[in-house]
């Protein structure tokens, strides 16, 4: 056997190097996988709405909202934020919280109003698209443009009602009707199912989403030390209520959010006045120093 042949045979027994793959780590994909799950939840909600299973449709919209609240925070914790993830999340939000709620309410009650019943859901979807487009435009600076720096007090507030919260508020008639039906209040359940109620809610919430109304963002919200224990107890009580009476708890949550908007506006106005007073005081100090 020649020396070359011997080398070729021996080469078969040599260990081969493991291939190295290029690409993002799995941790960076987790937020996008969660966004995909939320998108699928919105699609399943539409399917249940088409089948007339409105309780399940509402439950999947709520599940999509919970997932939407987790994916962004997990992305920041895992340092997996990306431009692709932001755009993907925005598209998922439009379907889950812009298209699905209006379509479900139309199938649930608004189609009883005839062709005009499609208008509230359509306007709600348009308002949701405008709200998400405004948010994306504010988050991404155009090339050559001077980035807009928000005041420090404004970082704890959204401009308008965010899309997930808007979807929950728009579905308030459905939550209330399901809750009344579970309690055996048939007349109240039918009243909550009136097309006019759903139409008013869709127009109202759509207007709140595209408005400049400041609403609290709980991402950087600080809780006073003396309020930690009451907050924990209240959260535990609400979770217990949510488990036992989910539709009543969701209806109560929507009403509380409506009331919170008033205090959010008051808080924003107070912080703005304090910031302006501090700025005027800082500008007055150099002027006094120059006076002989």
C-alpha atoms as a PDB file:
ATOM      1  CA  UNK A   1       0.000   0.000   0.000  1.00  0.00           C
ATOM      2  CA  UNK A   2       1.344   3.367  -0.912  1.00  0.00           C
ATOM      3  CA  UNK A   3       1.974   6.092   1.624  1.00  0.00           C
ATOM      4  CA  UNK A   4      -0.781   8.294   0.094  1.00  0.00           C
ATOM      5  CA  UNK A   5      -3.329   5.494   0.392  1.00  0.00           C
ATOM      6  CA  UNK A   6      -2.415   4.892   4.012  1.00  0.00           C
ATOM      7  CA  UNK A   7      -2.889   8.577   4.835  1.00  0.00           C
ATOM      8  CA  UNK A   8      -6.289   8.632   3.195  1.00  0.00           C
ATOM      9  CA  UNK A   9      -7.449   5.646   5.259  1.00  0.00           C
ATOM     10  CA  UNK A  10      -6.134   7.100   8.486  1.00  0.00           C
ATOM     11  CA  UNK A  11      -7.835  10.392   7.698  1.00  0.00           C
ATOM     12  CA  UNK A  12     -11.212   8.701   7.993  1.00  0.00           C
ATOM     13  CA  UNK A  13     -10.665   8.112  11.705  1.00  0.00           C
ATOM     14  CA  UNK A  14      -9.705  11.691  12.507  1.00  0.00           C
ATOM     15  CA  UNK A  15     -12.267  13.747  14.443  1.00  0.00           C
ATOM     16  CA  UNK A  16     -14.031  16.314  12.377  1.00  0.00           C
ATOM     17  CA  UNK A  17     -14.472  19.860  13.633  1.00  0.00           C
ATOM     18  CA  UNK A  18     -18.028  20.782  14.603  1.00  0.00           C
ATOM     19  CA  UNK A  19     -19.574  23.324  12.242  1.00  0.00           C
ATOM     20  CA  UNK A  20     -20.003  26.841  13.619  1.00  0.00           C
ATOM     21  CA  UNK A  21     -23.228  28.620  12.769  1.00  0.00           C
ATOM     22  CA  UNK A  22     -23.585  32.338  12.465  1.00  0.00           C
ATOM     23  CA  UNK A  23     -26.693  34.141  13.652  1.00  0.00           C
ATOM     24  CA  UNK A  24     -28.426  35.556  16.727  1.00  0.00           C
ATOM     25  CA  UNK A  25     -28.546  33.588  19.960  1.00  0.00           C
ATOM     26  CA  UNK A  26     -31.790  31.909  21.006  1.00  0.00           C
ATOM     27  CA  UNK A  27     -32.247  34.428  23.842  1.00  0.00           C
ATOM     28  CA  UNK A  28     -32.554  37.233  21.312  1.00  0.00           C
ATOM     29  CA  UNK A  29     -35.286  35.304  19.503  1.00  0.00           C
ATOM     30  CA  UNK A  30     -37.478  34.838  22.570  1.00  0.00           C
ATOM     31  CA  UNK A  31     -39.173  38.306  22.313  1.00  0.00           C
ATOM     32  CA  UNK A  32     -39.998  37.728  18.631  1.00  0.00           C
ATOM     33  CA  UNK A  33     -41.379  34.280  19.481  1.00  0.00           C
ATOM     34  CA  UNK A  34     -43.620  35.881  22.094  1.00  0.00           C
ATOM     35  CA  UNK A  35     -44.780  38.449  19.558  1.00  0.00           C
ATOM     36  CA  UNK A  36     -45.584  35.583  17.187  1.00  0.00           C
ATOM     37  CA  UNK A  37     -47.633  33.930  19.938  1.00  0.00           C
ATOM     38  CA  UNK A  38     -49.545  37.163  20.483  1.00  0.00           C
ATOM     39  CA  UNK A  39     -50.224  37.466  16.755  1.00  0.00           C
ATOM     40  CA  UNK A  40     -51.527  33.898  16.682  1.00  0.00           C
ATOM     41  CA  UNK A  41     -53.749  34.669  19.691  1.00  0.00           C
ATOM     42  CA  UNK A  42     -55.298  37.563  17.775  1.00  0.00           C
ATOM     43  CA  UNK A  43     -55.910  35.374  14.733  1.00  0.00           C
ATOM     44  CA  UNK A  44     -57.524  32.681  16.891  1.00  0.00           C
ATOM     45  CA  UNK A  45     -59.729  35.354  18.475  1.00  0.00           C
ATOM     46  CA  UNK A  46     -60.961  36.339  15.012  1.00  0.00           C
ATOM     47  CA  UNK A  47     -61.664  32.690  14.236  1.00  0.00           C
ATOM     48  CA  UNK A  48     -63.718  32.271  17.421  1.00  0.00           C
ATOM     49  CA  UNK A  49     -65.599  35.469  16.583  1.00  0.00           C
ATOM     50  CA  UNK A  50     -66.496  34.107  13.150  1.00  0.00           C
ATOM     51  CA  UNK A  51     -67.741  30.917  14.820  1.00  0.00           C
ATOM     52  CA  UNK A  52     -69.887  32.884  17.286  1.00  0.00           C
ATOM     53  CA  UNK A  53     -67.819  31.844  20.325  1.00  0.00           C
ATOM     54  CA  UNK A  54     -67.421  35.346  21.672  1.00  0.00           C
ATOM     55  CA  UNK A  55     -66.297  34.448  25.198  1.00  0.00           C
ATOM     56  CA  UNK A  56     -63.322  32.544  23.812  1.00  0.00           C
ATOM     57  CA  UNK A  57     -62.623  35.363  21.341  1.00  0.00           C
ATOM     58  CA  UNK A  58     -62.494  37.916  24.154  1.00  0.00           C
ATOM     59  CA  UNK A  59     -60.264  35.620  26.221  1.00  0.00           C
ATOM     60  CA  UNK A  60     -57.728  35.358  23.397  1.00  0.00           C
ATOM     61  CA  UNK A  61     -57.667  39.143  22.972  1.00  0.00           C
ATOM     62  CA  UNK A  62     -56.866  39.420  26.665  1.00  0.00           C
ATOM     63  CA  UNK A  63     -54.150  36.774  26.257  1.00  0.00           C
ATOM     64  CA  UNK A  64     -52.672  38.759  23.356  1.00  0.00           C
ATOM     65  CA  UNK A  65     -52.601  41.840  25.589  1.00  0.00           C
ATOM     66  CA  UNK A  66     -50.748  39.968  28.339  1.00  0.00           C
ATOM     67  CA  UNK A  67     -48.197  38.665  25.830  1.00  0.00           C
ATOM     68  CA  UNK A  68     -47.749  42.152  24.389  1.00  0.00           C
ATOM     69  CA  UNK A  69     -46.946  43.463  27.843  1.00  0.00           C
ATOM     70  CA  UNK A  70     -44.267  40.798  28.294  1.00  0.00           C
ATOM     71  CA  UNK A  71     -42.388  40.709  24.997  1.00  0.00           C
ATOM     72  CA  UNK A  72     -41.022  44.252  25.176  1.00  0.00           C
ATOM     73  CA  UNK A  73     -39.877  43.904  28.777  1.00  0.00           C
ATOM     74  CA  UNK A  74     -38.246  40.543  28.113  1.00  0.00           C
ATOM     75  CA  UNK A  75     -36.513  42.003  25.043  1.00  0.00           C
ATOM     76  CA  UNK A  76     -34.987  44.756  27.191  1.00  0.00           C
ATOM     77  CA  UNK A  77     -33.957  42.292  29.908  1.00  0.00           C
ATOM     78  CA  UNK A  78     -32.295  39.939  27.411  1.00  0.00           C
ATOM     79  CA  UNK A  79     -30.885  42.851  25.393  1.00  0.00           C
ATOM     80  CA  UNK A  80     -32.726  41.515  22.377  1.00  0.00           C
ATOM     81  CA  UNK A  81     -34.321  44.726  21.116  1.00  0.00           C
ATOM     82  CA  UNK A  82     -34.094  45.278  17.363  1.00  0.00           C
ATOM     83  CA  UNK A  83     -35.682  47.281  14.574  1.00  0.00           C
ATOM     84  CA  UNK A  84     -37.242  44.093  13.203  1.00  0.00           C
ATOM     85  CA  UNK A  85     -38.773  43.291  16.597  1.00  0.00           C
ATOM     86  CA  UNK A  86     -40.246  46.780  16.915  1.00  0.00           C
ATOM     87  CA  UNK A  87     -41.848  46.637  13.460  1.00  0.00           C
ATOM     88  CA  UNK A  88     -43.101  43.081  14.018  1.00  0.00           C
ATOM     89  CA  UNK A  89     -44.636  44.066  17.354  1.00  0.00           C
ATOM     90  CA  UNK A  90     -46.384  47.043  15.755  1.00  0.00           C
ATOM     91  CA  UNK A  91     -47.913  44.901  13.001  1.00  0.00           C
ATOM     92  CA  UNK A  92     -49.050  42.332  15.552  1.00  0.00           C
ATOM     93  CA  UNK A  93     -50.621  45.080  17.688  1.00  0.00           C
ATOM     94  CA  UNK A  94     -52.573  46.398  14.729  1.00  0.00           C
ATOM     95  CA  UNK A  95     -54.171  43.026  14.052  1.00  0.00           C
ATOM     96  CA  UNK A  96     -54.746  42.007  17.677  1.00  0.00           C
ATOM     97  CA  UNK A  97     -55.849  45.365  19.080  1.00  0.00           C
ATOM     98  CA  UNK A  98     -56.983  47.280  16.001  1.00  0.00           C
ATOM     99  CA  UNK A  99     -58.714  44.847  13.653  1.00  0.00           C
ATOM    100  CA  UNK A 100     -59.823  42.018  15.955  1.00  0.00           C
ATOM    101  CA  UNK A 101     -61.834  44.016  18.568  1.00  0.00           C
ATOM    102  CA  UNK A 102     -63.857  45.936  15.983  1.00  0.00           C
ATOM    103  CA  UNK A 103     -64.535  42.784  13.963  1.00  0.00           C
ATOM    104  CA  UNK A 104     -65.575  40.809  17.038  1.00  0.00           C
ATOM    105  CA  UNK A 105     -67.971  43.542  18.172  1.00  0.00           C
ATOM    106  CA  UNK A 106     -69.403  43.755  14.669  1.00  0.00           C
ATOM    107  CA  UNK A 107     -70.069  40.013  14.582  1.00  0.00           C
ATOM    108  CA  UNK A 108     -71.394  40.126  18.153  1.00  0.00           C
ATOM    109  CA  UNK A 109     -73.909  42.958  17.886  1.00  0.00           C
ATOM    110  CA  UNK A 110     -73.131  45.710  15.364  1.00  0.00           C
ATOM    111  CA  UNK A 111     -74.209  43.691  12.328  1.00  0.00           C
ATOM    112  CA  UNK A 112     -77.750  43.921  13.739  1.00  0.00           C
ATOM    113  CA  UNK A 113     -77.646  47.636  12.896  1.00  0.00           C
ATOM    114  CA  UNK A 114     -77.295  46.884   9.169  1.00  0.00           C
ATOM    115  CA  UNK A 115     -74.530  48.127   6.860  1.00  0.00           C
ATOM    116  CA  UNK A 116     -73.979  51.210   9.019  1.00  0.00           C
ATOM    117  CA  UNK A 117     -72.883  48.945  11.855  1.00  0.00           C
ATOM    118  CA  UNK A 118     -69.580  48.286  10.101  1.00  0.00           C
ATOM    119  CA  UNK A 119     -68.496  51.947  10.351  1.00  0.00           C
ATOM    120  CA  UNK A 120     -67.562  52.018  14.094  1.00  0.00           C
ATOM    121  CA  UNK A 121     -65.276  48.989  13.795  1.00  0.00           C
ATOM    122  CA  UNK A 122     -63.667  50.371  10.662  1.00  0.00           C
ATOM    123  CA  UNK A 123     -63.019  53.759  12.284  1.00  0.00           C
ATOM    124  CA  UNK A 124     -61.583  52.039  15.348  1.00  0.00           C
ATOM    125  CA  UNK A 125     -59.124  50.119  13.151  1.00  0.00           C
ATOM    126  CA  UNK A 126     -58.139  53.338  11.347  1.00  0.00           C
ATOM    127  CA  UNK A 127     -57.543  55.126  14.663  1.00  0.00           C
ATOM    128  CA  UNK A 128     -55.461  52.211  15.885  1.00  0.00           C
ATOM    129  CA  UNK A 129     -53.314  52.312  12.733  1.00  0.00           C
ATOM    130  CA  UNK A 130     -52.800  56.065  13.106  1.00  0.00           C
ATOM    131  CA  UNK A 131     -51.879  55.705  16.768  1.00  0.00           C
ATOM    132  CA  UNK A 132     -49.311  52.978  16.039  1.00  0.00           C
ATOM    133  CA  UNK A 133     -47.887  54.924  13.086  1.00  0.00           C
ATOM    134  CA  UNK A 134     -47.471  58.014  15.279  1.00  0.00           C
ATOM    135  CA  UNK A 135     -45.733  55.941  17.930  1.00  0.00           C
ATOM    136  CA  UNK A 136     -43.339  54.419  15.384  1.00  0.00           C
ATOM    137  CA  UNK A 137     -42.618  57.799  13.831  1.00  0.00           C
ATOM    138  CA  UNK A 138     -41.798  59.271  17.227  1.00  0.00           C
ATOM    139  CA  UNK A 139     -39.548  56.325  18.097  1.00  0.00           C
ATOM    140  CA  UNK A 140     -37.510  56.354  14.872  1.00  0.00           C
ATOM    141  CA  UNK A 141     -35.671  59.529  13.904  1.00  0.00           C
ATOM    142  CA  UNK A 142     -35.487  60.309  10.188  1.00  0.00           C
ATOM    143  CA  UNK A 143     -32.022  60.630   8.606  1.00  0.00           C
ATOM    144  CA  UNK A 144     -30.686  64.158   9.057  1.00  0.00           C
ATOM    145  CA  UNK A 145     -33.529  65.177  11.364  1.00  0.00           C
ATOM    146  CA  UNK A 146     -32.893  66.580  14.806  1.00  0.00           C
ATOM    147  CA  UNK A 147     -34.207  64.072  17.373  1.00  0.00           C
ATOM    148  CA  UNK A 148     -37.038  65.359  19.533  1.00  0.00           C
ATOM    149  CA  UNK A 149     -36.082  65.243  23.203  1.00  0.00           C
ATOM    150  CA  UNK A 150     -39.054  64.855  25.510  1.00  0.00           C
ATOM    151  CA  UNK A 151     -39.082  66.590  28.889  1.00  0.00           C
ATOM    152  CA  UNK A 152     -38.074  64.384  31.797  1.00  0.00           C
ATOM    153  CA  UNK A 153     -41.571  64.383  33.269  1.00  0.00           C
ATOM    154  CA  UNK A 154     -43.108  63.192  29.976  1.00  0.00           C
ATOM    155  CA  UNK A 155     -41.272  59.855  29.899  1.00  0.00           C
ATOM    156  CA  UNK A 156     -43.785  58.322  32.305  1.00  0.00           C
ATOM    157  CA  UNK A 157     -46.708  59.079  29.988  1.00  0.00           C
ATOM    158  CA  UNK A 158     -48.036  57.822  26.674  1.00  0.00           C
ATOM    159  CA  UNK A 159     -49.491  60.210  24.120  1.00  0.00           C
ATOM    160  CA  UNK A 160     -53.035  58.935  23.859  1.00  0.00           C
ATOM    161  CA  UNK A 161     -54.334  55.574  25.035  1.00  0.00           C
ATOM    162  CA  UNK A 162     -52.056  52.691  23.953  1.00  0.00           C
ATOM    163  CA  UNK A 163     -53.472  50.089  21.573  1.00  0.00           C
ATOM    164  CA  UNK A 164     -53.720  47.138  24.039  1.00  0.00           C
ATOM    165  CA  UNK A 165     -55.560  49.267  26.595  1.00  0.00           C
ATOM    166  CA  UNK A 166     -57.782  50.617  23.814  1.00  0.00           C
ATOM    167  CA  UNK A 167     -58.741  47.096  22.797  1.00  0.00           C
ATOM    168  CA  UNK A 168     -59.704  46.259  26.377  1.00  0.00           C
ATOM    169  CA  UNK A 169     -61.807  49.411  26.681  1.00  0.00           C
ATOM    170  CA  UNK A 170     -63.503  48.780  23.339  1.00  0.00           C
ATOM    171  CA  UNK A 171     -64.490  45.269  24.443  1.00  0.00           C
ATOM    172  CA  UNK A 172     -66.048  46.587  27.659  1.00  0.00           C
ATOM    173  CA  UNK A 173     -69.637  46.008  26.367  1.00  0.00           C
ATOM    174  CA  UNK A 174     -68.782  42.364  25.623  1.00  0.00           C
ATOM    175  CA  UNK A 175     -67.157  41.878  29.026  1.00  0.00           C
ATOM    176  CA  UNK A 176     -70.144  43.454  30.781  1.00  0.00           C
ATOM    177  CA  UNK A 177     -72.692  41.402  28.841  1.00  0.00           C
ATOM    178  CA  UNK A 178     -70.872  38.138  29.592  1.00  0.00           C
ATOM    179  CA  UNK A 179     -70.616  39.084  33.261  1.00  0.00           C
ATOM    180  CA  UNK A 180     -74.302  39.949  33.557  1.00  0.00           C
ATOM    181  CA  UNK A 181     -75.225  36.701  31.788  1.00  0.00           C
ATOM    182  CA  UNK A 182     -73.196  34.678  34.304  1.00  0.00           C
ATOM    183  CA  UNK A 183     -75.027  36.394  37.163  1.00  0.00           C
ATOM    184  CA  UNK A 184     -78.402  35.655  35.554  1.00  0.00           C
ATOM    185  CA  UNK A 185     -79.193  39.310  34.791  1.00  0.00           C
ATOM    186  CA  UNK A 186     -80.591  38.697  31.323  1.00  0.00           C
ATOM    187  CA  UNK A 187     -82.048  42.174  30.872  1.00  0.00           C
ATOM    188  CA  UNK A 188     -78.750  43.861  31.774  1.00  0.00           C
ATOM    189  CA  UNK A 189     -76.864  41.509  29.453  1.00  0.00           C
ATOM    190  CA  UNK A 190     -79.168  42.423  26.563  1.00  0.00           C
ATOM    191  CA  UNK A 191     -78.831  46.124  27.342  1.00  0.00           C
ATOM    192  CA  UNK A 192     -75.026  45.838  27.258  1.00  0.00           C
ATOM    193  CA  UNK A 193     -75.339  44.074  23.895  1.00  0.00           C
ATOM    194  CA  UNK A 194     -77.198  46.968  22.282  1.00  0.00           C
ATOM    195  CA  UNK A 195     -75.398  48.062  19.073  1.00  0.00           C
ATOM    196  CA  UNK A 196     -75.444  51.716  20.133  1.00  0.00           C
ATOM    197  CA  UNK A 197     -73.373  50.953  23.251  1.00  0.00           C
ATOM    198  CA  UNK A 198     -70.657  49.177  21.271  1.00  0.00           C
ATOM    199  CA  UNK A 199     -70.649  51.887  18.591  1.00  0.00           C
ATOM    200  CA  UNK A 200     -70.193  54.649  21.174  1.00  0.00           C
ATOM    201  CA  UNK A 201     -67.370  52.752  22.843  1.00  0.00           C
ATOM    202  CA  UNK A 202     -65.544  52.179  19.556  1.00  0.00           C
ATOM    203  CA  UNK A 203     -65.789  55.847  18.556  1.00  0.00           C
ATOM    204  CA  UNK A 204     -64.845  57.054  22.045  1.00  0.00           C
ATOM    205  CA  UNK A 205     -61.856  54.760  22.479  1.00  0.00           C
ATOM    206  CA  UNK A 206     -60.688  55.372  18.913  1.00  0.00           C
ATOM    207  CA  UNK A 207     -60.687  59.096  19.619  1.00  0.00           C
ATOM    208  CA  UNK A 208     -58.732  58.565  22.840  1.00  0.00           C
ATOM    209  CA  UNK A 209     -56.078  56.551  20.995  1.00  0.00           C
ATOM    210  CA  UNK A 210     -55.362  59.271  18.427  1.00  0.00           C
ATOM    211  CA  UNK A 211     -55.676  62.121  20.933  1.00  0.00           C
ATOM    212  CA  UNK A 212     -52.791  63.855  22.681  1.00  0.00           C
ATOM    213  CA  UNK A 213     -54.222  62.944  26.069  1.00  0.00           C
ATOM    214  CA  UNK A 214     -51.376  61.952  28.437  1.00  0.00           C
ATOM    215  CA  UNK A 215     -51.926  58.504  29.908  1.00  0.00           C
ATOM    216  CA  UNK A 216     -49.745  56.838  32.497  1.00  0.00           C
ATOM    217  CA  UNK A 217     -47.014  54.472  31.362  1.00  0.00           C
ATOM    218  CA  UNK A 218     -46.144  52.017  34.110  1.00  0.00           C
ATOM    219  CA  UNK A 219     -42.730  51.112  32.665  1.00  0.00           C
ATOM    220  CA  UNK A 220     -40.862  53.591  34.883  1.00  0.00           C
ATOM    221  CA  UNK A 221     -43.619  54.119  37.430  1.00  0.00           C
ATOM    222  CA  UNK A 222     -42.270  54.409  40.979  1.00  0.00           C
ATOM    223  CA  UNK A 223     -44.428  53.331  43.896  1.00  0.00           C
ATOM    224  CA  UNK A 224     -44.041  55.154  47.225  1.00  0.00           C
ATOM    225  CA  UNK A 225     -42.780  52.953  50.045  1.00  0.00           C
ATOM    226  CA  UNK A 226     -45.956  53.337  52.081  1.00  0.00           C
ATOM    227  CA  UNK A 227     -48.056  52.183  49.120  1.00  0.00           C
ATOM    228  CA  UNK A 228     -46.195  48.938  48.358  1.00  0.00           C
ATOM    229  CA  UNK A 229     -48.159  46.767  50.794  1.00  0.00           C
ATOM    230  CA  UNK A 230     -51.609  48.149  49.816  1.00  0.00           C
ATOM    231  CA  UNK A 231     -50.683  47.699  46.159  1.00  0.00           C
ATOM    232  CA  UNK A 232     -49.680  44.069  46.701  1.00  0.00           C
ATOM    233  CA  UNK A 233     -52.841  43.344  48.677  1.00  0.00           C
ATOM    234  CA  UNK A 234     -55.015  45.064  46.087  1.00  0.00           C
ATOM    235  CA  UNK A 235     -53.342  43.174  43.247  1.00  0.00           C
ATOM    236  CA  UNK A 236     -53.834  39.868  45.050  1.00  0.00           C
ATOM    237  CA  UNK A 237     -57.497  40.669  45.644  1.00  0.00           C
ATOM    238  CA  UNK A 238     -58.018  41.625  42.016  1.00  0.00           C
ATOM    239  CA  UNK A 239     -56.352  38.412  40.800  1.00  0.00           C
ATOM    240  CA  UNK A 240     -58.634  36.386  43.067  1.00  0.00           C
ATOM    241  CA  UNK A 241     -61.617  38.299  41.683  1.00  0.00           C
ATOM    242  CA  UNK A 242     -60.329  37.742  38.136  1.00  0.00           C
ATOM    243  CA  UNK A 243     -60.108  33.991  38.668  1.00  0.00           C
ATOM    244  CA  UNK A 244     -63.573  33.664  40.158  1.00  0.00           C
ATOM    245  CA  UNK A 245     -65.444  36.284  38.088  1.00  0.00           C
ATOM    246  CA  UNK A 246     -63.271  37.022  35.030  1.00  0.00           C
ATOM    247  CA  UNK A 247     -65.770  39.085  33.015  1.00  0.00           C
ATOM    248  CA  UNK A 248     -66.825  41.221  35.966  1.00  0.00           C
ATOM    249  CA  UNK A 249     -63.162  41.764  36.870  1.00  0.00           C
ATOM    250  CA  UNK A 250     -62.292  42.802  33.309  1.00  0.00           C
ATOM    251  CA  UNK A 251     -65.261  45.179  33.252  1.00  0.00           C
ATOM    252  CA  UNK A 252     -64.144  46.683  36.542  1.00  0.00           C
ATOM    253  CA  UNK A 253     -60.617  47.020  35.185  1.00  0.00           C
ATOM    254  CA  UNK A 254     -61.915  48.957  32.191  1.00  0.00           C
ATOM    255  CA  UNK A 255     -63.901  51.323  34.399  1.00  0.00           C
ATOM    256  CA  UNK A 256     -60.885  51.872  36.636  1.00  0.00           C
ATOM    257  CA  UNK A 257     -58.742  52.685  33.610  1.00  0.00           C
ATOM    258  CA  UNK A 258     -61.279  55.262  32.438  1.00  0.00           C
ATOM    259  CA  UNK A 259     -61.153  56.881  35.872  1.00  0.00           C
ATOM    260  CA  UNK A 260     -57.360  56.718  35.900  1.00  0.00           C
ATOM    261  CA  UNK A 261     -57.197  58.856  32.756  1.00  0.00           C
ATOM    262  CA  UNK A 262     -58.529  61.833  34.723  1.00  0.00           C
ATOM    263  CA  UNK A 263     -55.821  61.499  37.363  1.00  0.00           C
ATOM    264  CA  UNK A 264     -53.230  60.922  34.654  1.00  0.00           C
ATOM    265  CA  UNK A 265     -54.071  64.271  33.049  1.00  0.00           C
ATOM    266  CA  UNK A 266     -53.939  65.986  36.433  1.00  0.00           C
ATOM    267  CA  UNK A 267     -50.562  64.436  37.232  1.00  0.00           C
ATOM    268  CA  UNK A 268     -49.131  65.452  33.858  1.00  0.00           C
ATOM    269  CA  UNK A 269     -50.365  69.030  34.259  1.00  0.00           C
ATOM    270  CA  UNK A 270     -48.894  69.259  37.783  1.00  0.00           C
ATOM    271  CA  UNK A 271     -45.496  67.938  36.680  1.00  0.00           C
ATOM    272  CA  UNK A 272     -45.497  70.320  33.733  1.00  0.00           C
ATOM    273  CA  UNK A 273     -46.229  73.311  35.989  1.00  0.00           C
ATOM    274  CA  UNK A 274     -43.464  72.294  38.384  1.00  0.00           C
ATOM    275  CA  UNK A 275     -40.960  71.848  35.547  1.00  0.00           C
ATOM    276  CA  UNK A 276     -41.834  75.249  34.075  1.00  0.00           C
ATOM    277  CA  UNK A 277     -41.543  76.905  37.489  1.00  0.00           C
ATOM    278  CA  UNK A 278     -38.100  75.349  37.998  1.00  0.00           C
ATOM    279  CA  UNK A 279     -36.988  76.479  34.552  1.00  0.00           C
ATOM    280  CA  UNK A 280     -38.206  80.040  35.124  1.00  0.00           C
ATOM    281  CA  UNK A 281     -36.400  80.096  38.460  1.00  0.00           C
ATOM    282  CA  UNK A 282     -33.183  78.856  36.868  1.00  0.00           C
ATOM    283  CA  UNK A 283     -33.431  81.542  34.175  1.00  0.00           C
ATOM    284  CA  UNK A 284     -34.067  84.254  36.761  1.00  0.00           C
ATOM    285  CA  UNK A 285     -30.962  83.424  38.832  1.00  0.00           C
ATOM    286  CA  UNK A 286     -28.385  84.552  36.184  1.00  0.00           C
ATOM    287  CA  UNK A 287     -30.408  87.721  35.584  1.00  0.00           C
ATOM    288  CA  UNK A 288     -30.233  88.611  39.281  1.00  0.00           C
ATOM    289  CA  UNK A 289     -26.518  87.908  39.378  1.00  0.00           C
ATOM    290  CA  UNK A 290     -25.817  90.444  36.596  1.00  0.00           C
ATOM    291  CA  UNK A 291     -27.651  93.279  38.372  1.00  0.00           C
ATOM    292  CA  UNK A 292     -25.028  95.560  40.087  1.00  0.00           C
END
